[in-house]
């Protein structure tokens, strides 16, 4: 199992990003994500694609009984462990597409910007459904289909100089090679219908959807993601 995040140059560039340095405060989607979280007290939590472990530590600080963070990057897990002192939190090197635990092992599964690296969402959701306890919650962020469709993930200029966000090849699902942190990174484009149906067809009722627009400060500053959605947040509940 290899991860692009274990490449020294790539990881170094990632470490300089605002969300890497500021944690949840540097994640513009965090207020919307936090609003959709259930009461964390006493829950057994799984964070899929935990990265630096920011959400793991938040869950533990809000009373979660146990938190397991998994990631396919050794460097990410090293960074997470270096920032973690709470004994309720453990980290494990694992591929989230094949990771499984016995039925009902977790009450809450969370994931931040990891599922757009997954080709087969339906199988992933089936595994999550099995691992969730009855009535358990899945809450995740994924790059928005309008953001991933074209592949290059860049604004373009029209003839009069206006910046527009092109949407093309929307229904052509599959791998996209995008430039991120100076390297070519493989991601997967899924339509909105595919994302939502992957939950509905695998025993997860949709109980919340959000398209974060950013804060009023972001809007006032003219941040580009306040004009077109970069991320999609979905909450599902096990039937």
Protein backbone atom coordinates (compact mmCIF):
# COMPACT_ATOMS: atom_id res chain seq x y z
CA UNK A 1 0.00 0.00 0.00
CA UNK A 2 1.48 3.33 -1.10
CA UNK A 3 0.26 6.89 -0.72
CA UNK A 4 1.20 9.99 -2.68
CA UNK A 5 1.24 11.82 0.64
CA UNK A 6 4.33 9.82 1.59
CA UNK A 7 6.33 11.51 -1.16
CA UNK A 8 8.62 13.93 0.76
CA UNK A 9 8.10 16.89 -1.59
CA UNK A 10 4.33 16.40 -1.77
CA UNK A 11 3.97 16.03 1.99
CA UNK A 12 6.14 19.09 2.59
CA UNK A 13 3.88 21.16 0.33
CA UNK A 14 0.78 19.79 2.05
CA UNK A 15 2.21 20.71 5.45
CA UNK A 16 2.32 24.36 4.38
CA UNK A 17 -1.39 24.54 3.53
CA UNK A 18 -3.57 26.65 5.89
CA UNK A 19 -5.68 23.66 6.93
CA UNK A 20 -2.52 21.71 7.77
CA UNK A 21 -1.18 24.48 9.97
CA UNK A 22 -4.39 25.84 11.51
CA UNK A 23 -6.32 22.59 11.76
CA UNK A 24 -10.10 22.81 11.86
CA UNK A 25 -9.96 26.61 12.03
CA UNK A 26 -8.25 26.56 8.64
CA UNK A 27 -10.95 24.38 7.05
CA UNK A 28 -13.64 26.59 5.58
CA UNK A 29 -16.16 23.75 5.50
CA UNK A 30 -15.74 22.91 9.19
CA UNK A 31 -18.68 25.02 10.53
CA UNK A 32 -21.09 23.18 8.22
CA UNK A 33 -19.55 19.81 9.04
CA UNK A 34 -19.64 20.49 12.79
CA UNK A 35 -23.31 21.50 12.59
CA UNK A 36 -24.22 18.10 11.13
CA UNK A 37 -22.35 16.07 13.76
CA UNK A 38 -24.40 14.16 16.35
CA UNK A 39 -23.75 14.44 20.08
CA UNK A 40 -20.36 12.76 20.37
CA UNK A 41 -20.57 11.76 24.03
CA UNK A 42 -20.00 8.02 24.45
CA UNK A 43 -19.73 7.26 20.73
CA UNK A 44 -17.28 4.86 19.09
CA UNK A 45 -15.88 6.89 16.21
CA UNK A 46 -14.05 5.91 13.02
CA UNK A 47 -12.31 8.61 10.96
CA UNK A 48 -11.55 7.37 7.44
CA UNK A 49 -8.64 9.25 5.91
CA UNK A 50 -7.81 10.95 9.20
CA UNK A 51 -4.74 12.85 8.02
CA UNK A 52 -3.27 14.88 10.89
CA UNK A 53 -6.04 13.63 13.19
CA UNK A 54 -7.73 16.98 13.75
CA UNK A 55 -11.24 15.48 13.71
CA UNK A 56 -10.13 12.54 15.86
CA UNK A 57 -8.93 14.89 18.57
CA UNK A 58 -12.09 16.98 18.31
CA UNK A 59 -14.27 13.90 18.77
CA UNK A 60 -12.28 12.80 21.81
CA UNK A 61 -12.48 16.27 23.32
CA UNK A 62 -16.28 16.13 23.01
CA UNK A 63 -16.58 12.90 24.96
CA UNK A 64 -16.30 10.12 22.38
CA UNK A 65 -15.71 6.77 24.08
CA UNK A 66 -13.08 5.74 21.51
CA UNK A 67 -11.71 7.10 18.26
CA UNK A 68 -9.91 5.18 15.53
CA UNK A 69 -8.25 7.15 12.74
CA UNK A 70 -7.14 5.31 9.61
CA UNK A 71 -5.03 6.61 6.75
CA UNK A 72 -2.98 5.12 3.92
CA UNK A 73 -0.09 7.53 4.52
CA UNK A 74 2.63 6.70 7.04
CA UNK A 75 3.72 10.34 7.14
CA UNK A 76 0.19 11.49 7.92
CA UNK A 77 -0.10 9.03 10.77
CA UNK A 78 3.28 10.07 12.16
CA UNK A 79 2.08 13.67 12.19
CA UNK A 80 -1.21 12.66 13.82
CA UNK A 81 0.48 10.65 16.56
CA UNK A 82 2.90 13.50 17.28
CA UNK A 83 -0.08 15.79 17.92
CA UNK A 84 -2.12 13.34 20.00
CA UNK A 85 -1.94 12.66 23.74
CA UNK A 86 -5.44 11.30 24.43
CA UNK A 87 -5.33 7.55 25.08
CA UNK A 88 -8.85 7.17 23.66
CA UNK A 89 -7.44 7.84 20.18
CA UNK A 90 -5.62 5.20 18.14
CA UNK A 91 -4.31 5.37 14.60
CA UNK A 92 -3.90 2.61 12.03
CA UNK A 93 -2.30 2.37 8.61
CA UNK A 94 -5.06 1.11 6.32
CA UNK A 95 -6.60 1.48 2.88
CA UNK A 96 -10.07 2.89 3.43
CA UNK A 97 -11.40 1.04 0.36
CA UNK A 98 -10.67 -2.37 1.91
CA UNK A 99 -10.81 -1.56 5.63
CA UNK A 100 -13.42 -3.60 7.51
CA UNK A 101 -14.38 -4.31 11.11
CA UNK A 102 -17.03 -6.59 12.65
CA UNK A 103 -20.67 -5.56 12.33
CA UNK A 104 -21.70 -2.73 14.62
CA UNK A 105 -18.16 -1.72 15.63
CA UNK A 106 -18.78 2.03 15.34
CA UNK A 107 -21.56 4.50 16.14
CA UNK A 108 -20.17 7.27 13.93
CA UNK A 109 -18.03 7.18 10.80
CA UNK A 110 -16.57 10.48 9.61
CA UNK A 111 -14.37 11.38 6.67
CA UNK A 112 -12.94 14.63 5.36
CA UNK A 113 -12.02 15.00 1.68
CA UNK A 114 -11.02 11.38 1.18
CA UNK A 115 -13.88 9.75 -0.71
CA UNK A 116 -13.02 11.43 -4.05
CA UNK A 117 -9.99 9.12 -4.09
CA UNK A 118 -12.37 6.12 -4.18
CA UNK A 119 -13.44 4.57 -7.48
CA UNK A 120 -16.22 2.35 -6.10
CA UNK A 121 -18.39 4.30 -3.67
CA UNK A 122 -21.09 1.62 -3.49
CA UNK A 123 -18.74 -1.01 -2.06
CA UNK A 124 -17.31 1.53 0.38
CA UNK A 125 -20.81 2.41 1.62
CA UNK A 126 -21.68 -1.26 2.00
CA UNK A 127 -18.62 -1.74 4.24
CA UNK A 128 -19.53 1.35 6.26
CA UNK A 129 -23.11 0.16 6.71
CA UNK A 130 -21.83 -3.13 8.10
CA UNK A 131 -19.45 -1.43 10.53
CA UNK A 132 -22.09 1.00 11.83
CA UNK A 133 -24.32 0.17 14.75
CA UNK A 134 -28.12 0.39 14.21
CA UNK A 135 -29.04 4.06 13.96
CA UNK A 136 -25.37 4.98 13.51
CA UNK A 137 -24.25 7.98 11.47
CA UNK A 138 -21.97 8.52 8.48
CA UNK A 139 -20.82 12.09 7.87
CA UNK A 140 -18.36 12.94 5.11
CA UNK A 141 -17.05 15.68 2.86
CA UNK A 142 -16.14 15.01 -0.75
CA UNK A 143 -15.07 17.31 -3.56
CA UNK A 144 -18.23 18.57 -5.24
CA UNK A 145 -19.16 16.97 -8.59
CA UNK A 146 -19.23 20.41 -10.21
CA UNK A 147 -15.64 20.82 -9.03
CA UNK A 148 -14.37 17.45 -10.21
CA UNK A 149 -16.24 17.10 -13.53
CA UNK A 150 -13.84 18.95 -15.83
CA UNK A 151 -10.76 17.53 -14.17
CA UNK A 152 -8.40 20.50 -14.18
CA UNK A 153 -10.12 22.19 -11.20
CA UNK A 154 -9.29 25.70 -12.41
CA UNK A 155 -11.20 28.87 -13.19
CA UNK A 156 -10.86 30.01 -16.80
CA UNK A 157 -11.01 33.49 -18.32
CA UNK A 158 -13.54 34.44 -20.96
CA UNK A 159 -12.75 36.78 -23.84
CA UNK A 160 -13.66 39.81 -21.73
CA UNK A 161 -11.48 38.65 -18.85
CA UNK A 162 -14.25 37.37 -16.58
CA UNK A 163 -13.46 34.29 -14.50
CA UNK A 164 -15.90 31.40 -14.97
CA UNK A 165 -16.07 27.83 -13.74
CA UNK A 166 -16.50 25.40 -16.64
CA UNK A 167 -18.68 22.32 -16.22
CA UNK A 168 -18.24 19.68 -18.89
CA UNK A 169 -18.00 15.88 -19.07
CA UNK A 170 -20.21 15.79 -15.99
CA UNK A 171 -21.76 12.42 -16.84
CA UNK A 172 -18.43 10.83 -17.76
CA UNK A 173 -17.64 9.33 -14.38
CA UNK A 174 -14.26 7.95 -13.52
CA UNK A 175 -10.67 8.93 -12.92
CA UNK A 176 -9.43 12.47 -13.34
CA UNK A 177 -5.78 13.49 -13.19
CA UNK A 178 -5.57 16.84 -11.44
CA UNK A 179 -2.68 19.10 -10.55
CA UNK A 180 -2.45 19.48 -6.77
CA UNK A 181 0.55 20.84 -4.89
CA UNK A 182 2.60 20.73 -8.06
CA UNK A 183 2.00 17.05 -8.81
CA UNK A 184 -0.45 15.00 -10.84
CA UNK A 185 -2.94 13.41 -8.48
CA UNK A 186 -5.55 10.78 -9.45
CA UNK A 187 -9.06 11.46 -8.19
CA UNK A 188 -12.47 10.11 -9.13
CA UNK A 189 -15.42 12.08 -10.42
CA UNK A 190 -18.88 10.86 -9.41
CA UNK A 191 -22.15 12.55 -10.28
CA UNK A 192 -24.34 13.84 -7.47
CA UNK A 193 -26.79 11.01 -8.16
CA UNK A 194 -24.06 8.39 -7.83
CA UNK A 195 -22.84 9.84 -4.53
CA UNK A 196 -26.30 10.01 -2.96
CA UNK A 197 -27.48 6.68 -4.37
CA UNK A 198 -24.38 4.95 -3.02
CA UNK A 199 -25.83 5.64 0.43
CA UNK A 200 -29.48 4.98 -0.35
CA UNK A 201 -28.76 1.65 -2.05
CA UNK A 202 -26.68 0.46 0.90
CA UNK A 203 -29.01 1.01 3.83
CA UNK A 204 -28.08 4.59 4.67
CA UNK A 205 -30.88 7.15 4.76
CA UNK A 206 -29.77 10.66 3.80
CA UNK A 207 -30.41 12.98 6.75
CA UNK A 208 -28.38 16.03 5.79
CA UNK A 209 -26.69 17.65 2.80
CA UNK A 210 -24.64 20.85 2.67
CA UNK A 211 -22.69 22.77 0.03
CA UNK A 212 -20.39 24.99 2.11
CA UNK A 213 -20.08 28.54 0.86
CA UNK A 214 -17.59 29.80 3.40
CA UNK A 215 -17.90 32.51 6.01
CA UNK A 216 -19.11 36.07 5.51
CA UNK A 217 -15.45 37.06 5.61
CA UNK A 218 -14.72 34.63 2.75
CA UNK A 219 -17.59 36.09 0.75
CA UNK A 220 -16.48 39.67 1.43
CA UNK A 221 -12.93 38.78 0.40
CA UNK A 222 -14.18 37.37 -2.89
CA UNK A 223 -12.87 33.87 -2.25
CA UNK A 224 -13.51 31.82 -5.39
CA UNK A 225 -15.20 28.94 -3.58
CA UNK A 226 -18.00 31.32 -2.50
CA UNK A 227 -19.09 31.46 -6.16
CA UNK A 228 -19.04 27.76 -7.03
CA UNK A 229 -19.13 24.81 -4.62
CA UNK A 230 -15.83 23.03 -4.03
CA UNK A 231 -17.18 20.57 -1.49
CA UNK A 232 -20.24 18.51 -0.70
CA UNK A 233 -21.13 17.34 2.79
CA UNK A 234 -23.47 14.36 3.20
CA UNK A 235 -24.88 12.78 6.35
CA UNK A 236 -26.45 9.34 6.34
CA UNK A 237 -28.09 7.28 9.05
CA UNK A 238 -28.14 3.50 9.12
CA UNK A 239 -31.70 2.24 8.67
